[in-house]
Amino acid sequence: MMKTKIFFVATLSLGITGFCLAQTSPTSTTTTATTRGSNAPYTEGTVWVLTMIKTKAGLSDDYLKSISGTVKPVYEEEKKQKIILDYKILNGDAMGPQDFSILIMVQYPNMAALDSLRDKMDPIIEKVMGPEEQRRATAVKRLDIREILGTKTMREITLK
């Protein structure tokens, strides 16, 4: 009887040990998937923040002149400090009365670059655009010539 109990406990212990090892040991499929990465049909790249702007009829040039003295120097300083990689401003025709005609695209190295962005940006904006009261006055003037229809954050991808 005693031998049967010992045999039963030993068998049970070995069975549990084997089960635990099977759960923690990587299989060849898991190892391949881990070293290969995602099965997505693309590789993730940089992050773009897009701002869609609708200007009032005939005021696109006025808006572009306005941002060339404020927004452009901010972006240039951000590039210099490596906060952003690049920026682009696209100008075109709106497809209808509710569509944008100007697209501002700002390229960041990754999503993490957006963390604590305001802490990095505020000193640059104040240096280039002046104190908060001055910036607010500039923003109010822009309300007369443009409307921001939306902002979108997108990741650039490269198809495999």
C-alpha atoms as a PDB file:
ATOM      1  CA  MET A   1       0.000   0.000   0.000  1.00  0.00           C
ATOM      2  CA  MET A   2       2.801   2.401   0.913  1.00  0.00           C
ATOM      3  CA  LYS A   3       4.613   1.673  -2.356  1.00  0.00           C
ATOM      4  CA  THR A   4       1.425   2.448  -4.298  1.00  0.00           C
ATOM      5  CA  LYS A   5       1.060   5.854  -2.566  1.00  0.00           C
ATOM      6  CA  ILE A   6       4.710   6.755  -3.275  1.00  0.00           C
ATOM      7  CA  PHE A   7       4.335   5.643  -6.878  1.00  0.00           C
ATOM      8  CA  PHE A   8       1.119   7.707  -7.238  1.00  0.00           C
ATOM      9  CA  VAL A   9       2.685  10.863  -5.698  1.00  0.00           C
ATOM     10  CA  ALA A  10       5.835  10.504  -7.832  1.00  0.00           C
ATOM     11  CA  THR A  11       3.795  10.019 -10.999  1.00  0.00           C
ATOM     12  CA  LEU A  12       1.582  13.000 -10.164  1.00  0.00           C
ATOM     13  CA  SER A  13       4.631  15.185  -9.417  1.00  0.00           C
ATOM     14  CA  LEU A  14       6.327  14.225 -12.672  1.00  0.00           C
ATOM     15  CA  GLY A  15       3.105  14.867 -14.580  1.00  0.00           C
ATOM     16  CA  ILE A  16       2.678  18.343 -13.076  1.00  0.00           C
ATOM     17  CA  THR A  17       6.351  19.149 -13.666  1.00  0.00           C
ATOM     18  CA  GLY A  18       6.090  18.060 -17.286  1.00  0.00           C
ATOM     19  CA  PHE A  19       2.933  20.130 -17.759  1.00  0.00           C
ATOM     20  CA  CYS A  20       4.616  23.218 -16.242  1.00  0.00           C
ATOM     21  CA  LEU A  21       7.696  22.818 -18.420  1.00  0.00           C
ATOM     22  CA  ALA A  22       5.532  22.417 -21.508  1.00  0.00           C
ATOM     23  CA  GLN A  23       3.801  25.695 -20.688  1.00  0.00           C
ATOM     24  CA  THR A  24       7.022  27.706 -20.305  1.00  0.00           C
ATOM     25  CA  SER A  25       9.181  26.163 -23.010  1.00  0.00           C
ATOM     26  CA  PRO A  26       9.074  28.030 -26.300  1.00  0.00           C
ATOM     27  CA  THR A  27       8.144  25.941 -29.280  1.00  0.00           C
ATOM     28  CA  SER A  28       9.829  26.337 -32.630  1.00  0.00           C
ATOM     29  CA  THR A  29       6.735  28.194 -33.936  1.00  0.00           C
ATOM     30  CA  THR A  30       6.828  30.682 -31.052  1.00  0.00           C
ATOM     31  CA  THR A  31      10.552  31.273 -31.484  1.00  0.00           C
ATOM     32  CA  THR A  32      10.105  31.941 -35.196  1.00  0.00           C
ATOM     33  CA  ALA A  33       7.233  34.368 -34.601  1.00  0.00           C
ATOM     34  CA  THR A  34       9.168  36.192 -31.873  1.00  0.00           C
ATOM     35  CA  THR A  35      12.314  36.686 -33.913  1.00  0.00           C
ATOM     36  CA  ARG A  36      10.409  37.591 -37.054  1.00  0.00           C
ATOM     37  CA  GLY A  37       8.120  40.196 -35.448  1.00  0.00           C
ATOM     38  CA  SER A  38       4.661  41.170 -36.603  1.00  0.00           C
ATOM     39  CA  ASN A  39       2.796  39.393 -39.355  1.00  0.00           C
ATOM     40  CA  ALA A  40       1.421  42.733 -40.575  1.00  0.00           C
ATOM     41  CA  PRO A  41       1.864  43.352 -44.305  1.00  0.00           C
ATOM     42  CA  TYR A  42       3.735  46.583 -43.569  1.00  0.00           C
ATOM     43  CA  THR A  43       6.535  48.114 -41.513  1.00  0.00           C
ATOM     44  CA  GLU A  44       5.712  51.029 -39.235  1.00  0.00           C
ATOM     45  CA  GLY A  45       7.471  54.303 -39.914  1.00  0.00           C
ATOM     46  CA  THR A  46       7.331  57.915 -38.806  1.00  0.00           C
ATOM     47  CA  VAL A  47       4.241  59.706 -37.496  1.00  0.00           C
ATOM     48  CA  TRP A  48       2.542  62.605 -39.286  1.00  0.00           C
ATOM     49  CA  VAL A  49       0.209  65.133 -37.696  1.00  0.00           C
ATOM     50  CA  LEU A  50      -2.056  66.611 -40.380  1.00  0.00           C
ATOM     51  CA  THR A  51      -3.982  69.862 -39.968  1.00  0.00           C
ATOM     52  CA  MET A  52      -6.715  70.588 -42.502  1.00  0.00           C
ATOM     53  CA  ILE A  53      -7.408  74.302 -43.034  1.00  0.00           C
ATOM     54  CA  LYS A  54     -10.152  76.035 -44.952  1.00  0.00           C
ATOM     55  CA  THR A  55      -9.437  79.654 -45.835  1.00  0.00           C
ATOM     56  CA  LYS A  56     -12.137  82.168 -46.667  1.00  0.00           C
ATOM     57  CA  ALA A  57     -12.565  82.974 -50.356  1.00  0.00           C
ATOM     58  CA  GLY A  58      -9.615  84.913 -51.737  1.00  0.00           C
ATOM     59  CA  LEU A  59      -7.658  84.894 -48.455  1.00  0.00           C
ATOM     60  CA  SER A  60      -5.337  81.899 -48.939  1.00  0.00           C
ATOM     61  CA  ASP A  61      -2.331  84.108 -49.715  1.00  0.00           C
ATOM     62  CA  ASP A  62      -3.035  86.277 -46.671  1.00  0.00           C
ATOM     63  CA  TYR A  63      -3.106  83.198 -44.464  1.00  0.00           C
ATOM     64  CA  LEU A  64       0.100  81.811 -45.982  1.00  0.00           C
ATOM     65  CA  LYS A  65       1.851  85.167 -45.452  1.00  0.00           C
ATOM     66  CA  SER A  66       0.679  85.137 -41.854  1.00  0.00           C
ATOM     67  CA  ILE A  67       2.066  81.684 -41.070  1.00  0.00           C
ATOM     68  CA  SER A  68       5.339  82.291 -42.918  1.00  0.00           C
ATOM     69  CA  GLY A  69       6.280  84.760 -40.162  1.00  0.00           C
ATOM     70  CA  THR A  70       5.121  82.620 -37.245  1.00  0.00           C
ATOM     71  CA  VAL A  71       4.533  78.942 -37.963  1.00  0.00           C
ATOM     72  CA  LYS A  72       7.464  78.460 -40.331  1.00  0.00           C
ATOM     73  CA  PRO A  73      10.089  79.766 -37.852  1.00  0.00           C
ATOM     74  CA  VAL A  74       8.622  77.519 -35.141  1.00  0.00           C
ATOM     75  CA  TYR A  75       8.886  74.455 -37.380  1.00  0.00           C
ATOM     76  CA  GLU A  76      12.418  75.400 -38.426  1.00  0.00           C
ATOM     77  CA  GLU A  77      13.493  75.687 -34.781  1.00  0.00           C
ATOM     78  CA  GLU A  78      11.830  72.341 -33.993  1.00  0.00           C
ATOM     79  CA  LYS A  79      13.775  70.742 -36.843  1.00  0.00           C
ATOM     80  CA  LYS A  80      16.983  72.323 -35.561  1.00  0.00           C
ATOM     81  CA  GLN A  81      16.302  70.879 -32.085  1.00  0.00           C
ATOM     82  CA  LYS A  82      15.326  67.507 -33.624  1.00  0.00           C
ATOM     83  CA  ILE A  83      11.818  67.607 -32.138  1.00  0.00           C
ATOM     84  CA  ILE A  84      10.371  67.085 -35.617  1.00  0.00           C
ATOM     85  CA  LEU A  85      11.918  65.509 -38.685  1.00  0.00           C
ATOM     86  CA  ASP A  86      10.206  67.674 -41.295  1.00  0.00           C
ATOM     87  CA  TYR A  87       7.077  69.601 -42.202  1.00  0.00           C
ATOM     88  CA  LYS A  88       5.209  70.230 -45.414  1.00  0.00           C
ATOM     89  CA  ILE A  89       2.477  72.653 -46.393  1.00  0.00           C
ATOM     90  CA  LEU A  90       0.237  71.697 -49.293  1.00  0.00           C
ATOM     91  CA  ASN A  91      -2.034  74.196 -51.048  1.00  0.00           C
ATOM     92  CA  GLY A  92      -4.798  73.169 -53.439  1.00  0.00           C
ATOM     93  CA  ASP A  93      -8.406  73.486 -54.417  1.00  0.00           C
ATOM     94  CA  ALA A  94     -11.195  72.544 -52.066  1.00  0.00           C
ATOM     95  CA  MET A  95     -13.585  69.937 -53.456  1.00  0.00           C
ATOM     96  CA  GLY A  96     -16.558  71.739 -51.968  1.00  0.00           C
ATOM     97  CA  PRO A  97     -17.591  74.378 -49.450  1.00  0.00           C
ATOM     98  CA  GLN A  98     -16.825  72.120 -46.468  1.00  0.00           C
ATOM     99  CA  ASP A  99     -13.417  70.925 -47.707  1.00  0.00           C
ATOM    100  CA  PHE A 100      -9.931  72.156 -46.803  1.00  0.00           C
ATOM    101  CA  SER A 101      -7.593  73.865 -49.248  1.00  0.00           C
ATOM    102  CA  ILE A 102      -4.407  73.904 -47.128  1.00  0.00           C
ATOM    103  CA  LEU A 103      -2.867  70.883 -45.463  1.00  0.00           C
ATOM    104  CA  ILE A 104      -0.065  71.267 -42.933  1.00  0.00           C
ATOM    105  CA  MET A 105       1.872  68.047 -42.310  1.00  0.00           C
ATOM    106  CA  VAL A 106       4.383  67.714 -39.461  1.00  0.00           C
ATOM    107  CA  GLN A 107       6.589  64.605 -39.290  1.00  0.00           C
ATOM    108  CA  TYR A 108       7.674  63.125 -35.953  1.00  0.00           C
ATOM    109  CA  PRO A 109      10.128  60.234 -35.553  1.00  0.00           C
ATOM    110  CA  ASN A 110       7.597  58.074 -33.643  1.00  0.00           C
ATOM    111  CA  MET A 111       4.557  58.197 -31.332  1.00  0.00           C
ATOM    112  CA  ALA A 112       6.798  58.642 -28.281  1.00  0.00           C
ATOM    113  CA  ALA A 113       7.916  62.006 -29.695  1.00  0.00           C
ATOM    114  CA  LEU A 114       4.399  63.289 -28.976  1.00  0.00           C
ATOM    115  CA  ASP A 115       4.799  62.625 -25.232  1.00  0.00           C
ATOM    116  CA  SER A 116       5.424  65.856 -23.284  1.00  0.00           C
ATOM    117  CA  LEU A 117       5.452  67.733 -26.598  1.00  0.00           C
ATOM    118  CA  ARG A 118       4.036  70.887 -25.075  1.00  0.00           C
ATOM    119  CA  ASP A 119       6.927  71.085 -22.607  1.00  0.00           C
ATOM    120  CA  LYS A 120       9.321  71.148 -25.568  1.00  0.00           C
ATOM    121  CA  MET A 121       7.201  73.427 -27.736  1.00  0.00           C
ATOM    122  CA  ASP A 122       6.176  76.216 -25.358  1.00  0.00           C
ATOM    123  CA  PRO A 123       9.672  77.754 -25.031  1.00  0.00           C
ATOM    124  CA  ILE A 124      10.120  77.706 -28.829  1.00  0.00           C
ATOM    125  CA  ILE A 125       6.706  79.231 -29.485  1.00  0.00           C
ATOM    126  CA  GLU A 126       7.274  81.964 -26.912  1.00  0.00           C
ATOM    127  CA  LYS A 127      10.703  82.756 -28.355  1.00  0.00           C
ATOM    128  CA  VAL A 128       9.411  82.972 -31.946  1.00  0.00           C
ATOM    129  CA  MET A 129       5.861  84.252 -31.515  1.00  0.00           C
ATOM    130  CA  GLY A 130       6.125  86.305 -28.332  1.00  0.00           C
ATOM    131  CA  PRO A 131       4.273  86.196 -25.026  1.00  0.00           C
ATOM    132  CA  GLU A 132       0.869  84.554 -24.627  1.00  0.00           C
ATOM    133  CA  GLU A 133      -1.104  87.779 -25.123  1.00  0.00           C
ATOM    134  CA  GLN A 134       0.607  88.426 -28.454  1.00  0.00           C
ATOM    135  CA  ARG A 135       0.023  84.850 -29.592  1.00  0.00           C
ATOM    136  CA  ARG A 136      -3.639  85.087 -28.632  1.00  0.00           C
ATOM    137  CA  ALA A 137      -4.053  88.303 -30.651  1.00  0.00           C
ATOM    138  CA  THR A 138      -2.462  86.614 -33.684  1.00  0.00           C
ATOM    139  CA  ALA A 139      -4.771  83.616 -33.307  1.00  0.00           C
ATOM    140  CA  VAL A 140      -7.846  85.842 -33.091  1.00  0.00           C
ATOM    141  CA  LYS A 141      -6.819  87.663 -36.303  1.00  0.00           C
ATOM    142  CA  ARG A 142      -6.482  84.324 -38.071  1.00  0.00           C
ATOM    143  CA  LEU A 143     -10.078  83.451 -37.190  1.00  0.00           C
ATOM    144  CA  ASP A 144     -11.132  86.082 -39.746  1.00  0.00           C
ATOM    145  CA  ILE A 145      -9.339  84.356 -42.611  1.00  0.00           C
ATOM    146  CA  ARG A 146      -9.308  80.626 -41.864  1.00  0.00           C
ATOM    147  CA  GLU A 147     -11.021  77.747 -40.123  1.00  0.00           C
ATOM    148  CA  ILE A 148      -9.256  74.616 -38.892  1.00  0.00           C
ATOM    149  CA  LEU A 149     -11.463  71.740 -40.017  1.00  0.00           C
ATOM    150  CA  GLY A 150      -9.552  69.091 -38.115  1.00  0.00           C
ATOM    151  CA  THR A 151      -6.311  67.503 -37.075  1.00  0.00           C
ATOM    152  CA  LYS A 152      -5.373  63.885 -37.639  1.00  0.00           C
ATOM    153  CA  THR A 153      -2.417  61.791 -36.490  1.00  0.00           C
ATOM    154  CA  MET A 154      -1.305  59.018 -38.841  1.00  0.00           C
ATOM    155  CA  ARG A 155       1.607  56.620 -39.015  1.00  0.00           C
ATOM    156  CA  GLU A 156       3.523  56.238 -42.232  1.00  0.00           C
ATOM    157  CA  ILE A 157       3.836  52.624 -43.337  1.00  0.00           C
ATOM    158  CA  THR A 158       5.930  50.784 -45.887  1.00  0.00           C
ATOM    159  CA  LEU A 159       4.305  47.771 -47.503  1.00  0.00           C
ATOM    160  CA  LYS A 160       6.313  44.556 -47.276  1.00  0.00           C
END
